[in-house]
C-alpha atoms as a PDB file:
ATOM      1  CA  MET A   1      29.479  39.988 -90.031  1.00  0.00           C
ATOM      2  CA  THR A   2      30.986  40.572 -86.313  1.00  0.00           C
ATOM      3  CA  LEU A   3      28.045  41.100 -83.669  1.00  0.00           C
ATOM      4  CA  GLU A   4      27.724  42.145 -80.460  1.00  0.00           C
ATOM      5  CA  TYR A   5      24.604  41.234 -78.159  1.00  0.00           C
ATOM      6  CA  ASP A   6      23.475  41.037 -74.770  1.00  0.00           C
ATOM      7  CA  GLY A   7      21.957  37.456 -74.629  1.00  0.00           C
ATOM      8  CA  THR A   8      19.862  38.184 -71.457  1.00  0.00           C
ATOM      9  CA  ASP A   9      16.526  38.298 -73.371  1.00  0.00           C
ATOM     10  CA  TYR A  10      17.265  35.618 -75.853  1.00  0.00           C
ATOM     11  CA  SER A  11      16.694  32.133 -75.981  1.00  0.00           C
ATOM     12  CA  GLY A  12      20.114  31.661 -77.489  1.00  0.00           C
ATOM     13  CA  TRP A  13      21.514  32.071 -80.983  1.00  0.00           C
ATOM     14  CA  GLN A  14      19.586  29.377 -82.759  1.00  0.00           C
ATOM     15  CA  ARG A  15      16.048  30.232 -84.261  1.00  0.00           C
ATOM     16  CA  GLN A  16      13.378  28.060 -82.477  1.00  0.00           C
ATOM     17  CA  PRO A  17       9.426  28.494 -82.295  1.00  0.00           C
ATOM     18  CA  ASN A  18       7.779  30.639 -80.054  1.00  0.00           C
ATOM     19  CA  ALA A  19      10.975  32.074 -78.612  1.00  0.00           C
ATOM     20  CA  ARG A  20      13.249  35.035 -79.365  1.00  0.00           C
ATOM     21  CA  SER A  21      16.526  33.911 -80.802  1.00  0.00           C
ATOM     22  CA  VAL A  22      19.649  36.022 -82.044  1.00  0.00           C
ATOM     23  CA  GLN A  23      19.385  34.455 -85.489  1.00  0.00           C
ATOM     24  CA  GLU A  24      15.621  35.117 -85.986  1.00  0.00           C
ATOM     25  CA  THR A  25      16.370  38.720 -84.914  1.00  0.00           C
ATOM     26  CA  LEU A  26      19.068  39.314 -87.313  1.00  0.00           C
ATOM     27  CA  GLU A  27      17.143  37.487 -89.954  1.00  0.00           C
ATOM     28  CA  SER A  28      14.246  39.798 -89.886  1.00  0.00           C
ATOM     29  CA  ALA A  29      16.513  42.868 -89.956  1.00  0.00           C
ATOM     30  CA  ILE A  30      18.393  41.605 -92.959  1.00  0.00           C
ATOM     31  CA  ALA A  31      14.954  40.873 -94.599  1.00  0.00           C
ATOM     32  CA  ALA A  32      13.727  44.320 -93.714  1.00  0.00           C
ATOM     33  CA  VAL A  33      16.869  45.810 -95.587  1.00  0.00           C
ATOM     34  CA  THR A  34      16.966  43.504 -98.664  1.00  0.00           C
ATOM     35  CA  GLY A  35      13.466  42.229 -98.932  1.00  0.00           C
ATOM     36  CA  GLU A  36      15.060  38.917 -98.909  1.00  0.00           C
ATOM     37  CA  SER A  37      14.488  35.734 -96.836  1.00  0.00           C
ATOM     38  CA  VAL A  38      18.058  34.940 -95.754  1.00  0.00           C
ATOM     39  CA  ARG A  39      19.471  32.082 -93.630  1.00  0.00           C
ATOM     40  CA  VAL A  40      22.236  33.459 -91.227  1.00  0.00           C
ATOM     41  CA  THR A  41      24.915  31.104 -89.878  1.00  0.00           C
ATOM     42  CA  GLY A  42      26.686  31.823 -86.736  1.00  0.00           C
ATOM     43  CA  ALA A  43      30.079  30.615 -85.471  1.00  0.00           C
ATOM     44  CA  GLY A  44      28.753  29.362 -82.423  1.00  0.00           C
ATOM     45  CA  ARG A  45      25.145  28.611 -81.085  1.00  0.00           C
ATOM     46  CA  THR A  46      25.431  30.512 -77.963  1.00  0.00           C
ATOM     47  CA  ASP A  47      23.020  29.266 -75.231  1.00  0.00           C
ATOM     48  CA  ALA A  48      19.935  31.385 -73.658  1.00  0.00           C
ATOM     49  CA  GLY A  49      21.475  34.086 -71.512  1.00  0.00           C
ATOM     50  CA  VAL A  50      24.905  34.159 -72.944  1.00  0.00           C
ATOM     51  CA  HIS A  51      26.593  37.145 -74.478  1.00  0.00           C
ATOM     52  CA  ALA A  52      28.880  37.828 -77.430  1.00  0.00           C
ATOM     53  CA  LEU A  53      31.411  40.409 -77.660  1.00  0.00           C
ATOM     54  CA  ALA A  54      32.500  39.194 -81.324  1.00  0.00           C
ATOM     55  CA  GLN A  55      30.318  36.717 -82.707  1.00  0.00           C
ATOM     56  CA  VAL A  56      30.580  35.967 -86.358  1.00  0.00           C
ATOM     57  CA  ALA A  57      27.988  35.280 -88.408  1.00  0.00           C
ATOM     58  CA  SER A  58      27.587  34.663 -92.670  1.00  0.00           C
ATOM     59  CA  PHE A  59      24.838  35.219 -95.042  1.00  0.00           C
ATOM     60  CA  GLY A  60      24.307  35.319 -98.759  1.00  0.00           C
ATOM     61  CA  THR A  61      22.405  38.281-100.580  1.00  0.00           C
ATOM     62  CA  SER A  62      21.831  39.867-103.800  1.00  0.00           C
ATOM     63  CA  SER A  63      21.628  43.329-102.509  1.00  0.00           C
ATOM     64  CA  HIS A  64      23.254  46.022-104.486  1.00  0.00           C
ATOM     65  CA  LEU A  65      24.085  47.767-101.338  1.00  0.00           C
ATOM     66  CA  THR A  66      27.890  48.204-100.169  1.00  0.00           C
ATOM     67  CA  ALA A  67      28.984  46.438 -97.128  1.00  0.00           C
ATOM     68  CA  GLY A  68      28.878  49.717 -94.958  1.00  0.00           C
ATOM     69  CA  GLU A  69      25.466  50.488 -96.074  1.00  0.00           C
ATOM     70  CA  LEU A  70      24.132  47.063 -95.400  1.00  0.00           C
ATOM     71  CA  LYS A  71      25.646  47.575 -91.735  1.00  0.00           C
ATOM     72  CA  ALA A  72      24.163  50.594 -91.173  1.00  0.00           C
ATOM     73  CA  ALA A  73      20.784  49.707 -92.653  1.00  0.00           C
ATOM     74  CA  ILE A  74      20.727  46.227 -90.637  1.00  0.00           C
ATOM     75  CA  ASN A  75      21.633  48.082 -87.122  1.00  0.00           C
ATOM     76  CA  ALA A  76      18.827  50.641 -87.756  1.00  0.00           C
ATOM     77  CA  ASN A  77      16.363  47.763 -87.644  1.00  0.00           C
ATOM     78  CA  LEU A  78      18.076  45.588 -84.855  1.00  0.00           C
ATOM     79  CA  PRO A  79      16.994  46.149 -81.200  1.00  0.00           C
ATOM     80  CA  ASP A  80      19.182  47.808 -78.517  1.00  0.00           C
ATOM     81  CA  ASP A  81      20.510  44.534 -77.322  1.00  0.00           C
ATOM     82  CA  ALA A  82      22.202  43.573 -80.737  1.00  0.00           C
ATOM     83  CA  SER A  83      24.753  45.438 -82.867  1.00  0.00           C
ATOM     84  CA  VAL A  84      26.664  44.567 -86.151  1.00  0.00           C
ATOM     85  CA  LEU A  85      30.377  45.662 -85.662  1.00  0.00           C
ATOM     86  CA  ASP A  86      31.439  45.011 -88.652  1.00  0.00           C
ATOM     87  CA  LEU A  87      30.480  43.700 -92.207  1.00  0.00           C
ATOM     88  CA  GLN A  88      32.574  42.885 -95.160  1.00  0.00           C
ATOM     89  CA  GLU A  89      32.229  40.923 -98.469  1.00  0.00           C
ATOM     90  CA  ALA A  90      33.647  37.479 -98.128  1.00  0.00           C
ATOM     91  CA  PRO A  91      34.682  34.635-100.431  1.00  0.00           C
ATOM     92  CA  ALA A  92      31.758  32.429-101.701  1.00  0.00           C
ATOM     93  CA  GLU A  93      33.155  29.430 -99.784  1.00  0.00           C
ATOM     94  CA  PHE A  94      33.153  31.098 -96.344  1.00  0.00           C
ATOM     95  CA  ASP A  95      30.822  29.664 -93.613  1.00  0.00           C
ATOM     96  CA  ALA A  96      31.165  31.331 -90.494  1.00  0.00           C
ATOM     97  CA  GLN A  97      30.828  27.972 -88.295  1.00  0.00           C
ATOM     98  CA  ARG A  98      32.774  25.308 -90.684  1.00  0.00           C
ATOM     99  CA  SER A  99      35.757  27.797 -91.384  1.00  0.00           C
ATOM    100  CA  ALA A 100      36.282  28.623 -87.839  1.00  0.00           C
ATOM    101  CA  ARG A 101      39.302  27.253 -86.333  1.00  0.00           C
ATOM    102  CA  GLY A 102      38.999  28.108 -82.702  1.00  0.00           C
ATOM    103  CA  LYS A 103      36.872  30.141 -80.207  1.00  0.00           C
ATOM    104  CA  THR A 104      37.688  32.151 -77.194  1.00  0.00           C
ATOM    105  CA  TYR A 105      35.224  32.517 -74.276  1.00  0.00           C
ATOM    106  CA  ALA A 106      35.367  34.659 -71.138  1.00  0.00           C
ATOM    107  CA  TYR A 107      33.228  34.017 -67.867  1.00  0.00           C
ATOM    108  CA  SER A 108      33.051  36.656 -65.400  1.00  0.00           C
ATOM    109  CA  ILE A 109      32.692  36.061 -61.585  1.00  0.00           C
ATOM    110  CA  LEU A 110      31.847  38.713 -59.154  1.00  0.00           C
ATOM    111  CA  ASN A 111      33.841  37.362 -55.993  1.00  0.00           C
ATOM    112  CA  ARG A 112      32.352  39.386 -53.008  1.00  0.00           C
ATOM    113  CA  MET A 113      29.617  39.500 -50.440  1.00  0.00           C
ATOM    114  CA  GLU A 114      27.535  42.141 -52.077  1.00  0.00           C
ATOM    115  CA  ARG A 115      25.639  41.750 -55.066  1.00  0.00           C
ATOM    116  CA  SER A 116      26.119  44.223 -58.117  1.00  0.00           C
ATOM    117  CA  PRO A 117      23.017  45.646 -59.752  1.00  0.00           C
ATOM    118  CA  LEU A 118      25.178  46.733 -62.606  1.00  0.00           C
ATOM    119  CA  LEU A 119      26.890  43.541 -63.093  1.00  0.00           C
ATOM    120  CA  ARG A 120      23.900  41.087 -62.423  1.00  0.00           C
ATOM    121  CA  ARG A 121      23.182  40.287 -66.218  1.00  0.00           C
ATOM    122  CA  THR A 122      27.151  39.595 -66.984  1.00  0.00           C
ATOM    123  CA  ALA A 123      28.617  38.281 -64.044  1.00  0.00           C
ATOM    124  CA  LEU A 124      27.973  35.470 -61.553  1.00  0.00           C
ATOM    125  CA  LEU A 125      27.926  36.293 -57.903  1.00  0.00           C
ATOM    126  CA  VAL A 126      30.056  34.007 -55.735  1.00  0.00           C
ATOM    127  CA  ASN A 127      29.951  35.374 -52.033  1.00  0.00           C
ATOM    128  CA  GLN A 128      32.510  32.985 -50.510  1.00  0.00           C
ATOM    129  CA  GLN A 129      36.263  33.932 -51.120  1.00  0.00           C
ATOM    130  CA  LEU A 130      37.819  31.838 -53.684  1.00  0.00           C
ATOM    131  CA  ASP A 131      41.247  30.423 -53.669  1.00  0.00           C
ATOM    132  CA  ILE A 132      42.549  31.512 -57.116  1.00  0.00           C
ATOM    133  CA  GLY A 133      45.946  29.927 -56.479  1.00  0.00           C
ATOM    134  CA  ALA A 134      44.257  26.388 -56.438  1.00  0.00           C
ATOM    135  CA  MET A 135      41.922  27.285 -59.383  1.00  0.00           C
ATOM    136  CA  ARG A 136      44.853  28.271 -61.438  1.00  0.00           C
ATOM    137  CA  ARG A 137      46.828  24.954 -60.565  1.00  0.00           C
ATOM    138  CA  ALA A 138      43.841  23.278 -61.621  1.00  0.00           C
ATOM    139  CA  ALA A 139      43.875  25.097 -64.837  1.00  0.00           C
ATOM    140  CA  ARG A 140      47.109  23.637 -65.590  1.00  0.00           C
ATOM    141  CA  PHE A 141      45.541  20.124 -65.759  1.00  0.00           C
ATOM    142  CA  ILE A 142      42.669  21.216 -68.421  1.00  0.00           C
ATOM    143  CA  ARG A 143      45.011  23.062 -70.873  1.00  0.00           C
ATOM    144  CA  GLY A 144      46.236  20.752 -73.938  1.00  0.00           C
ATOM    145  CA  GLU A 145      44.641  17.909 -75.963  1.00  0.00           C
ATOM    146  CA  HIS A 146      42.381  15.806 -73.661  1.00  0.00           C
ATOM    147  CA  ASP A 147      38.974  13.754 -73.915  1.00  0.00           C
ATOM    148  CA  PHE A 148      36.675  16.265 -72.413  1.00  0.00           C
ATOM    149  CA  ALA A 149      33.639  14.140 -71.734  1.00  0.00           C
ATOM    150  CA  CYS A 150      33.481  14.934 -68.393  1.00  0.00           C
ATOM    151  CA  PHE A 151      32.875  18.703 -69.228  1.00  0.00           C
ATOM    152  CA  ARG A 152      30.180  17.988 -71.971  1.00  0.00           C
ATOM    153  CA  SER A 153      26.442  18.132 -70.957  1.00  0.00           C
ATOM    154  CA  ALA A 154      23.586  15.533 -71.933  1.00  0.00           C
ATOM    155  CA  GLY A 155      22.331  16.288 -75.558  1.00  0.00           C
ATOM    156  CA  SER A 156      25.653  16.797 -77.517  1.00  0.00           C
ATOM    157  CA  SER A 157      25.730  15.586 -81.092  1.00  0.00           C
ATOM    158  CA  ALA A 158      29.398  15.815 -81.226  1.00  0.00           C
ATOM    159  CA  LYS A 159      31.112  12.776 -83.091  1.00  0.00           C
ATOM    160  CA  THR A 160      34.232  13.004 -80.658  1.00  0.00           C
ATOM    161  CA  SER A 161      34.714  14.712 -77.093  1.00  0.00           C
ATOM    162  CA  VAL A 162      38.575  15.075 -77.875  1.00  0.00           C
ATOM    163  CA  ARG A 163      39.387  19.016 -78.046  1.00  0.00           C
ATOM    164  CA  ARG A 164      42.558  21.283 -77.614  1.00  0.00           C
ATOM    165  CA  VAL A 165      42.466  23.775 -74.888  1.00  0.00           C
ATOM    166  CA  THR A 166      44.971  26.272 -76.132  1.00  0.00           C
ATOM    167  CA  HIS A 167      44.813  28.761 -73.350  1.00  0.00           C
ATOM    168  CA  LEU A 168      42.971  28.839 -69.945  1.00  0.00           C
ATOM    169  CA  ASP A 169      43.840  31.916 -67.850  1.00  0.00           C
ATOM    170  CA  ILE A 170      42.375  33.308 -64.573  1.00  0.00           C
ATOM    171  CA  GLU A 171      42.871  37.126 -63.919  1.00  0.00           C
ATOM    172  CA  GLU A 172      41.659  38.925 -60.995  1.00  0.00           C
ATOM    173  CA  ARG A 173      40.691  42.669 -61.147  1.00  0.00           C
ATOM    174  CA  ASP A 174      38.959  44.521 -58.467  1.00  0.00           C
ATOM    175  CA  GLY A 175      36.889  41.503 -56.933  1.00  0.00           C
ATOM    176  CA  LEU A 176      36.076  40.290 -60.606  1.00  0.00           C
ATOM    177  CA  LEU A 177      37.621  37.086 -61.841  1.00  0.00           C
ATOM    178  CA  PHE A 178      37.763  36.548 -65.458  1.00  0.00           C
ATOM    179  CA  ILE A 179      38.246  33.126 -66.704  1.00  0.00           C
ATOM    180  CA  THR A 180      39.205  33.026 -70.328  1.00  0.00           C
ATOM    181  CA  VAL A 181      39.535  29.739 -72.290  1.00  0.00           C
ATOM    182  CA  SER A 182      40.365  29.305 -75.826  1.00  0.00           C
ATOM    183  CA  ALA A 183      40.058  26.022 -77.679  1.00  0.00           C
ATOM    184  CA  ASP A 184      39.905  24.295 -81.311  1.00  0.00           C
ATOM    185  CA  GLY A 185      36.335  23.776 -80.304  1.00  0.00           C
ATOM    186  CA  PHE A 186      33.959  23.283 -77.586  1.00  0.00           C
ATOM    187  CA  LEU A 187      31.525  20.748 -76.587  1.00  0.00           C
ATOM    188  CA  TYR A 188      27.918  21.420 -75.256  1.00  0.00           C
ATOM    189  CA  ASN A 189      28.249  23.536 -72.052  1.00  0.00           C
ATOM    190  CA  MET A 190      32.142  22.745 -71.769  1.00  0.00           C
ATOM    191  CA  VAL A 191      33.170  26.039 -70.741  1.00  0.00           C
ATOM    192  CA  ARG A 192      30.358  26.293 -67.985  1.00  0.00           C
ATOM    193  CA  ALA A 193      31.235  23.022 -66.813  1.00  0.00           C
ATOM    194  CA  ILE A 194      34.908  24.158 -66.928  1.00  0.00           C
ATOM    195  CA  VAL A 195      34.112  27.131 -64.805  1.00  0.00           C
ATOM    196  CA  GLY A 196      31.761  25.191 -62.350  1.00  0.00           C
ATOM    197  CA  THR A 197      34.683  22.683 -61.735  1.00  0.00           C
ATOM    198  CA  LEU A 198      37.069  25.588 -61.311  1.00  0.00           C
ATOM    199  CA  ILE A 199      34.583  27.236 -58.669  1.00  0.00           C
ATOM    200  CA  GLU A 200      34.245  24.046 -56.691  1.00  0.00           C
ATOM    201  CA  VAL A 201      38.239  23.903 -56.452  1.00  0.00           C
ATOM    202  CA  GLY A 202      38.230  27.604 -55.209  1.00  0.00           C
ATOM    203  CA  ARG A 203      35.922  26.659 -52.452  1.00  0.00           C
ATOM    204  CA  GLY A 204      37.977  23.895 -51.402  1.00  0.00           C
ATOM    205  CA  LYS A 205      35.531  21.151 -52.341  1.00  0.00           C
ATOM    206  CA  MET A 206      37.962  19.811 -54.736  1.00  0.00           C
ATOM    207  CA  SER A 207      41.964  19.688 -55.007  1.00  0.00           C
ATOM    208  CA  PRO A 208      43.411  20.849 -58.051  1.00  0.00           C
ATOM    209  CA  GLU A 209      45.081  17.400 -58.342  1.00  0.00           C
ATOM    210  CA  ASP A 210      41.778  15.624 -58.882  1.00  0.00           C
ATOM    211  CA  LEU A 211      41.520  17.166 -62.140  1.00  0.00           C
ATOM    212  CA  PRO A 212      43.507  14.531 -64.065  1.00  0.00           C
ATOM    213  CA  ASP A 213      41.490  11.688 -62.784  1.00  0.00           C
ATOM    214  CA  ILE A 214      38.162  13.729 -62.984  1.00  0.00           C
ATOM    215  CA  ILE A 215      39.253  14.336 -66.828  1.00  0.00           C
ATOM    216  CA  SER A 216      40.331  10.336 -67.347  1.00  0.00           C
ATOM    217  CA  SER A 217      37.310   9.044 -66.105  1.00  0.00           C
ATOM    218  CA  ARG A 218      35.240  10.895 -68.836  1.00  0.00           C
ATOM    219  CA  ASP A 219      32.476  11.069 -66.140  1.00  0.00           C
ATOM    220  CA  ARG A 220      30.120  14.294 -66.291  1.00  0.00           C
ATOM    221  CA  ALA A 221      29.070  13.415 -62.680  1.00  0.00           C
ATOM    222  CA  ARG A 222      32.898  13.804 -61.425  1.00  0.00           C
ATOM    223  CA  ALA A 223      33.195  17.198 -62.298  1.00  0.00           C
ATOM    224  CA  GLY A 224      31.666  20.249 -60.987  1.00  0.00           C
ATOM    225  CA  PRO A 225      28.096  21.667 -61.864  1.00  0.00           C
ATOM    226  CA  THR A 226      27.437  23.831 -65.011  1.00  0.00           C
ATOM    227  CA  ALA A 227      28.039  27.345 -64.131  1.00  0.00           C
ATOM    228  CA  PRO A 228      24.863  29.645 -65.162  1.00  0.00           C
ATOM    229  CA  PRO A 229      24.700  31.052 -68.271  1.00  0.00           C
ATOM    230  CA  HIS A 230      24.870  34.981 -67.630  1.00  0.00           C
ATOM    231  CA  GLY A 231      28.571  34.992 -66.821  1.00  0.00           C
ATOM    232  CA  LEU A 232      29.727  33.578 -70.372  1.00  0.00           C
ATOM    233  CA  CYS A 233      30.632  35.720 -73.295  1.00  0.00           C
ATOM    234  CA  LEU A 234      31.905  34.709 -76.548  1.00  0.00           C
ATOM    235  CA  MET A 235      35.081  36.820 -77.071  1.00  0.00           C
ATOM    236  CA  ALA A 236      36.420  36.001 -80.371  1.00  0.00           C
ATOM    237  CA  VAL A 237      36.247  33.395 -83.378  1.00  0.00           C
ATOM    238  CA  ASP A 238      39.479  32.331 -85.213  1.00  0.00           C
ATOM    239  CA  TYR A 239      39.690  31.740 -89.046  1.00  0.00           C
END
């Protein structure tokens, strides 16, 4: 399945007690259609408040409904803030998480003085003019394969903090900045830490040339703060 959801009112992807999660909402919708108790695996465990334009998930079922019929029926049982965009039969060995080869996230920043009621759930308001040129120079040092421990929040269970960032671009459109990051994998809060660091560069609190030392230090305290979750969106998963 390919899913789109507004993460504002979810506690995140992963099922958890006494909290509304995307996983549980989806599993409940599938159960209502198939009568089966299924476990849905997501390509990425998006955090509370994080959105998805193209999250990928997989599950097994003995239902005789076609993929198209399943998609329509599941959508009929989902709330308005989640939708199945595509559903296909996959090989038995396919697993949305383990089969993934990379992901792309985008972070949206509204860079102006005035807040936007329409964008308040999906873009971070930064009401200080950012130096986008400096942010782009800093981004050059992040691309490539590095030990990204400086961008990893506590609580990560990853065995290694080495990742390859294949794409990091900053686009400006009508007062909106879109920071797009692609990698072969991400550490816990890695994209939000990268964004928080780039914002500090844009504010003049860090120099672009500080980035190599920050990365080589592997020290989370040396990098910028973790940007809030609501500006982040999972855009694509590669297989």
